[in-house]
């Protein structure tokens, strides 16, 4: 990347719900931190109904989702990513090789067919590492 290219202002779209003070407070901190490194945040405050539609269609760069809690059940949680009912579906839509959504879902399907515990652990380790390397999710806090 050339020096002028590095100096261009980058803009990201951050969608949050209207009347959600917790989201607004965290968004404010994130926006301030991103501004320090030259990233401008376009915050879109939307009604809850629109928020759900945006979650499903992927019309965002940054988006909050609620955690399912501790990762005690990766089988159910990651299997749910293939359904267009949660943000994870739209967030994985544009994954690039070596980990496309199709490849990820195939890996999840295969690990769920295994019986050997060592194989299961090894496969989950690989899947979770793949997801981590794509940097599509950023755990911020939990309740």
C-alpha atoms as a PDB file:
ATOM      1  CA  UNK A   1       0.000   0.000   0.000  1.00  0.00           C
ATOM      2  CA  UNK A   2       1.407   3.399  -0.948  1.00  0.00           C
ATOM      3  CA  UNK A   3       1.818   6.238   1.552  1.00  0.00           C
ATOM      4  CA  UNK A   4      -1.135   8.256   0.128  1.00  0.00           C
ATOM      5  CA  UNK A   5      -3.287   5.122   0.254  1.00  0.00           C
ATOM      6  CA  UNK A   6      -2.399   4.626   3.901  1.00  0.00           C
ATOM      7  CA  UNK A   7      -3.530   8.174   4.680  1.00  0.00           C
ATOM      8  CA  UNK A   8      -7.009   7.818   3.194  1.00  0.00           C
ATOM      9  CA  UNK A   9      -9.856   8.049   5.650  1.00  0.00           C
ATOM     10  CA  UNK A  10     -11.610   4.737   6.088  1.00  0.00           C
ATOM     11  CA  UNK A  11     -15.293   4.639   6.982  1.00  0.00           C
ATOM     12  CA  UNK A  12     -17.238   1.798   8.544  1.00  0.00           C
ATOM     13  CA  UNK A  13     -20.960   1.462   9.105  1.00  0.00           C
ATOM     14  CA  UNK A  14     -21.863   0.663  12.740  1.00  0.00           C
ATOM     15  CA  UNK A  15     -25.486  -0.293  13.345  1.00  0.00           C
ATOM     16  CA  UNK A  16     -26.975  -0.025  16.826  1.00  0.00           C
ATOM     17  CA  UNK A  17     -30.490  -0.116  18.234  1.00  0.00           C
ATOM     18  CA  UNK A  18     -32.260   3.073  19.195  1.00  0.00           C
ATOM     19  CA  UNK A  19     -32.867   3.334  22.931  1.00  0.00           C
ATOM     20  CA  UNK A  20     -30.159   0.836  23.900  1.00  0.00           C
ATOM     21  CA  UNK A  21     -27.851   2.760  26.233  1.00  0.00           C
ATOM     22  CA  UNK A  22     -25.480  -0.188  26.698  1.00  0.00           C
ATOM     23  CA  UNK A  23     -24.890  -0.490  22.952  1.00  0.00           C
ATOM     24  CA  UNK A  24     -24.547   3.279  22.616  1.00  0.00           C
ATOM     25  CA  UNK A  25     -21.936   3.471  25.380  1.00  0.00           C
ATOM     26  CA  UNK A  26     -19.818   0.679  23.907  1.00  0.00           C
ATOM     27  CA  UNK A  27     -20.227   2.074  20.374  1.00  0.00           C
ATOM     28  CA  UNK A  28     -19.006   5.450  21.639  1.00  0.00           C
ATOM     29  CA  UNK A  29     -15.821   3.899  23.042  1.00  0.00           C
ATOM     30  CA  UNK A  30     -15.209   1.894  19.868  1.00  0.00           C
ATOM     31  CA  UNK A  31     -15.837   4.951  17.667  1.00  0.00           C
ATOM     32  CA  UNK A  32     -13.334   7.009  19.683  1.00  0.00           C
ATOM     33  CA  UNK A  33     -10.707   4.255  19.490  1.00  0.00           C
ATOM     34  CA  UNK A  34     -11.172   3.817  15.744  1.00  0.00           C
ATOM     35  CA  UNK A  35     -10.897   7.583  15.196  1.00  0.00           C
ATOM     36  CA  UNK A  36      -7.436   7.465  16.765  1.00  0.00           C
ATOM     37  CA  UNK A  37      -6.257   5.222  13.926  1.00  0.00           C
ATOM     38  CA  UNK A  38      -8.022   7.122  11.154  1.00  0.00           C
ATOM     39  CA  UNK A  39     -11.221   5.118  10.840  1.00  0.00           C
ATOM     40  CA  UNK A  40     -14.425   7.148  10.678  1.00  0.00           C
ATOM     41  CA  UNK A  41     -17.549   5.485  12.054  1.00  0.00           C
ATOM     42  CA  UNK A  42     -20.935   6.128  10.484  1.00  0.00           C
ATOM     43  CA  UNK A  43     -23.323   5.201  13.309  1.00  0.00           C
ATOM     44  CA  UNK A  44     -26.791   4.131  12.223  1.00  0.00           C
ATOM     45  CA  UNK A  45     -29.411   4.175  14.984  1.00  0.00           C
ATOM     46  CA  UNK A  46     -32.321   1.950  13.992  1.00  0.00           C
ATOM     47  CA  UNK A  47     -35.561   0.626  15.434  1.00  0.00           C
ATOM     48  CA  UNK A  48     -35.516  -2.975  16.753  1.00  0.00           C
ATOM     49  CA  UNK A  49     -37.488  -4.295  13.757  1.00  0.00           C
ATOM     50  CA  UNK A  50     -35.033  -2.762  11.295  1.00  0.00           C
ATOM     51  CA  UNK A  51     -32.119  -4.031  13.397  1.00  0.00           C
ATOM     52  CA  UNK A  52     -33.317  -7.607  12.874  1.00  0.00           C
ATOM     53  CA  UNK A  53     -33.616  -7.068   9.107  1.00  0.00           C
ATOM     54  CA  UNK A  54     -30.096  -5.611   8.946  1.00  0.00           C
ATOM     55  CA  UNK A  55     -28.799  -8.546  10.983  1.00  0.00           C
ATOM     56  CA  UNK A  56     -30.264 -10.950   8.428  1.00  0.00           C
ATOM     57  CA  UNK A  57     -29.240  -9.112   5.251  1.00  0.00           C
ATOM     58  CA  UNK A  58     -25.719  -8.140   6.317  1.00  0.00           C
ATOM     59  CA  UNK A  59     -26.054  -4.406   5.628  1.00  0.00           C
ATOM     60  CA  UNK A  60     -23.365  -3.394   8.166  1.00  0.00           C
ATOM     61  CA  UNK A  61     -19.641  -3.366   8.887  1.00  0.00           C
ATOM     62  CA  UNK A  62     -19.943  -3.449  12.688  1.00  0.00           C
ATOM     63  CA  UNK A  63     -22.893  -4.942  14.552  1.00  0.00           C
ATOM     64  CA  UNK A  64     -23.649  -6.115  18.092  1.00  0.00           C
ATOM     65  CA  UNK A  65     -25.000  -9.547  18.840  1.00  0.00           C
ATOM     66  CA  UNK A  66     -25.706 -11.196  22.145  1.00  0.00           C
ATOM     67  CA  UNK A  67     -23.569 -14.065  23.311  1.00  0.00           C
ATOM     68  CA  UNK A  68     -24.953 -17.515  23.935  1.00  0.00           C
ATOM     69  CA  UNK A  69     -22.736 -17.543  26.996  1.00  0.00           C
ATOM     70  CA  UNK A  70     -19.671 -19.633  27.634  1.00  0.00           C
ATOM     71  CA  UNK A  71     -18.619 -21.877  24.718  1.00  0.00           C
ATOM     72  CA  UNK A  72     -19.932 -25.032  26.378  1.00  0.00           C
ATOM     73  CA  UNK A  73     -21.815 -26.229  23.314  1.00  0.00           C
ATOM     74  CA  UNK A  74     -20.021 -25.380  20.072  1.00  0.00           C
ATOM     75  CA  UNK A  75     -22.039 -28.018  18.194  1.00  0.00           C
ATOM     76  CA  UNK A  76     -25.380 -26.244  18.537  1.00  0.00           C
ATOM     77  CA  UNK A  77     -24.013 -22.718  18.383  1.00  0.00           C
ATOM     78  CA  UNK A  78     -21.886 -23.083  15.264  1.00  0.00           C
ATOM     79  CA  UNK A  79     -24.484 -25.247  13.510  1.00  0.00           C
ATOM     80  CA  UNK A  80     -26.908 -22.318  13.911  1.00  0.00           C
ATOM     81  CA  UNK A  81     -24.635 -20.198  11.715  1.00  0.00           C
ATOM     82  CA  UNK A  82     -26.024 -21.840   8.576  1.00  0.00           C
ATOM     83  CA  UNK A  83     -29.487 -20.360   9.210  1.00  0.00           C
ATOM     84  CA  UNK A  84     -30.347 -16.824   8.191  1.00  0.00           C
ATOM     85  CA  UNK A  85     -31.746 -16.021  11.614  1.00  0.00           C
ATOM     86  CA  UNK A  86     -28.656 -14.745  13.414  1.00  0.00           C
ATOM     87  CA  UNK A  87     -25.929 -12.220  12.694  1.00  0.00           C
ATOM     88  CA  UNK A  88     -23.373 -15.005  12.291  1.00  0.00           C
ATOM     89  CA  UNK A  89     -25.008 -16.035   9.006  1.00  0.00           C
ATOM     90  CA  UNK A  90     -24.618 -12.628   7.394  1.00  0.00           C
ATOM     91  CA  UNK A  91     -21.204 -12.093   9.012  1.00  0.00           C
ATOM     92  CA  UNK A  92     -19.852 -15.230   7.346  1.00  0.00           C
ATOM     93  CA  UNK A  93     -21.328 -14.447   3.918  1.00  0.00           C
ATOM     94  CA  UNK A  94     -18.178 -12.898   2.479  1.00  0.00           C
ATOM     95  CA  UNK A  95     -15.526 -15.134   3.989  1.00  0.00           C
ATOM     96  CA  UNK A  96     -12.663 -15.599   1.560  1.00  0.00           C
ATOM     97  CA  UNK A  97     -10.629 -18.741   0.887  1.00  0.00           C
ATOM     98  CA  UNK A  98      -9.191 -20.638   2.540  1.00  0.00           C
ATOM     99  CA  UNK A  99     -12.320 -20.382   4.737  1.00  0.00           C
ATOM    100  CA  UNK A 100     -15.538 -19.683   2.862  1.00  0.00           C
ATOM    101  CA  UNK A 101     -18.912 -20.106   4.573  1.00  0.00           C
ATOM    102  CA  UNK A 102     -19.386 -23.354   2.650  1.00  0.00           C
ATOM    103  CA  UNK A 103     -16.039 -24.764   3.793  1.00  0.00           C
ATOM    104  CA  UNK A 104     -16.707 -23.685   7.383  1.00  0.00           C
ATOM    105  CA  UNK A 105     -20.149 -25.289   7.447  1.00  0.00           C
ATOM    106  CA  UNK A 106     -18.739 -28.499   5.940  1.00  0.00           C
ATOM    107  CA  UNK A 107     -16.097 -28.643   8.687  1.00  0.00           C
ATOM    108  CA  UNK A 108     -18.801 -28.132  11.324  1.00  0.00           C
ATOM    109  CA  UNK A 109     -20.911 -30.890   9.775  1.00  0.00           C
ATOM    110  CA  UNK A 110     -17.967 -33.300   9.722  1.00  0.00           C
ATOM    111  CA  UNK A 111     -16.973 -32.704  13.353  1.00  0.00           C
ATOM    112  CA  UNK A 112     -20.553 -33.430  14.409  1.00  0.00           C
ATOM    113  CA  UNK A 113     -20.335 -36.842  12.749  1.00  0.00           C
ATOM    114  CA  UNK A 114     -17.293 -37.883  14.807  1.00  0.00           C
ATOM    115  CA  UNK A 115     -17.337 -40.216  17.808  1.00  0.00           C
ATOM    116  CA  UNK A 116     -13.688 -40.214  18.848  1.00  0.00           C
ATOM    117  CA  UNK A 117     -13.132 -37.503  21.497  1.00  0.00           C
ATOM    118  CA  UNK A 118      -9.539 -36.790  20.443  1.00  0.00           C
ATOM    119  CA  UNK A 119     -10.664 -36.293  16.841  1.00  0.00           C
ATOM    120  CA  UNK A 120     -13.507 -34.027  17.964  1.00  0.00           C
ATOM    121  CA  UNK A 121     -11.158 -31.872  20.062  1.00  0.00           C
ATOM    122  CA  UNK A 122      -8.663 -31.626  17.220  1.00  0.00           C
ATOM    123  CA  UNK A 123     -11.314 -30.687  14.672  1.00  0.00           C
ATOM    124  CA  UNK A 124     -12.894 -28.054  16.957  1.00  0.00           C
ATOM    125  CA  UNK A 125      -9.481 -26.576  17.626  1.00  0.00           C
ATOM    126  CA  UNK A 126      -8.936 -26.194  13.878  1.00  0.00           C
ATOM    127  CA  UNK A 127     -12.416 -24.735  13.294  1.00  0.00           C
ATOM    128  CA  UNK A 128     -12.113 -22.216  16.116  1.00  0.00           C
ATOM    129  CA  UNK A 129      -8.630 -21.225  14.944  1.00  0.00           C
ATOM    130  CA  UNK A 130      -9.966 -20.735  11.399  1.00  0.00           C
ATOM    131  CA  UNK A 131     -12.734 -18.463  12.717  1.00  0.00           C
ATOM    132  CA  UNK A 132     -10.259 -16.534  14.852  1.00  0.00           C
ATOM    133  CA  UNK A 133      -7.937 -15.983  11.875  1.00  0.00           C
ATOM    134  CA  UNK A 134     -10.798 -14.517   9.828  1.00  0.00           C
ATOM    135  CA  UNK A 135     -11.347 -11.871  12.556  1.00  0.00           C
ATOM    136  CA  UNK A 136     -15.070 -11.574  11.869  1.00  0.00           C
ATOM    137  CA  UNK A 137     -16.084 -11.622  15.538  1.00  0.00           C
ATOM    138  CA  UNK A 138     -14.734  -9.561  18.389  1.00  0.00           C
ATOM    139  CA  UNK A 139     -15.900 -10.594  21.850  1.00  0.00           C
ATOM    140  CA  UNK A 140     -16.284  -7.423  23.900  1.00  0.00           C
ATOM    141  CA  UNK A 141     -18.237  -8.313  26.998  1.00  0.00           C
ATOM    142  CA  UNK A 142     -20.748 -10.819  28.276  1.00  0.00           C
ATOM    143  CA  UNK A 143     -23.600 -10.994  30.694  1.00  0.00           C
END
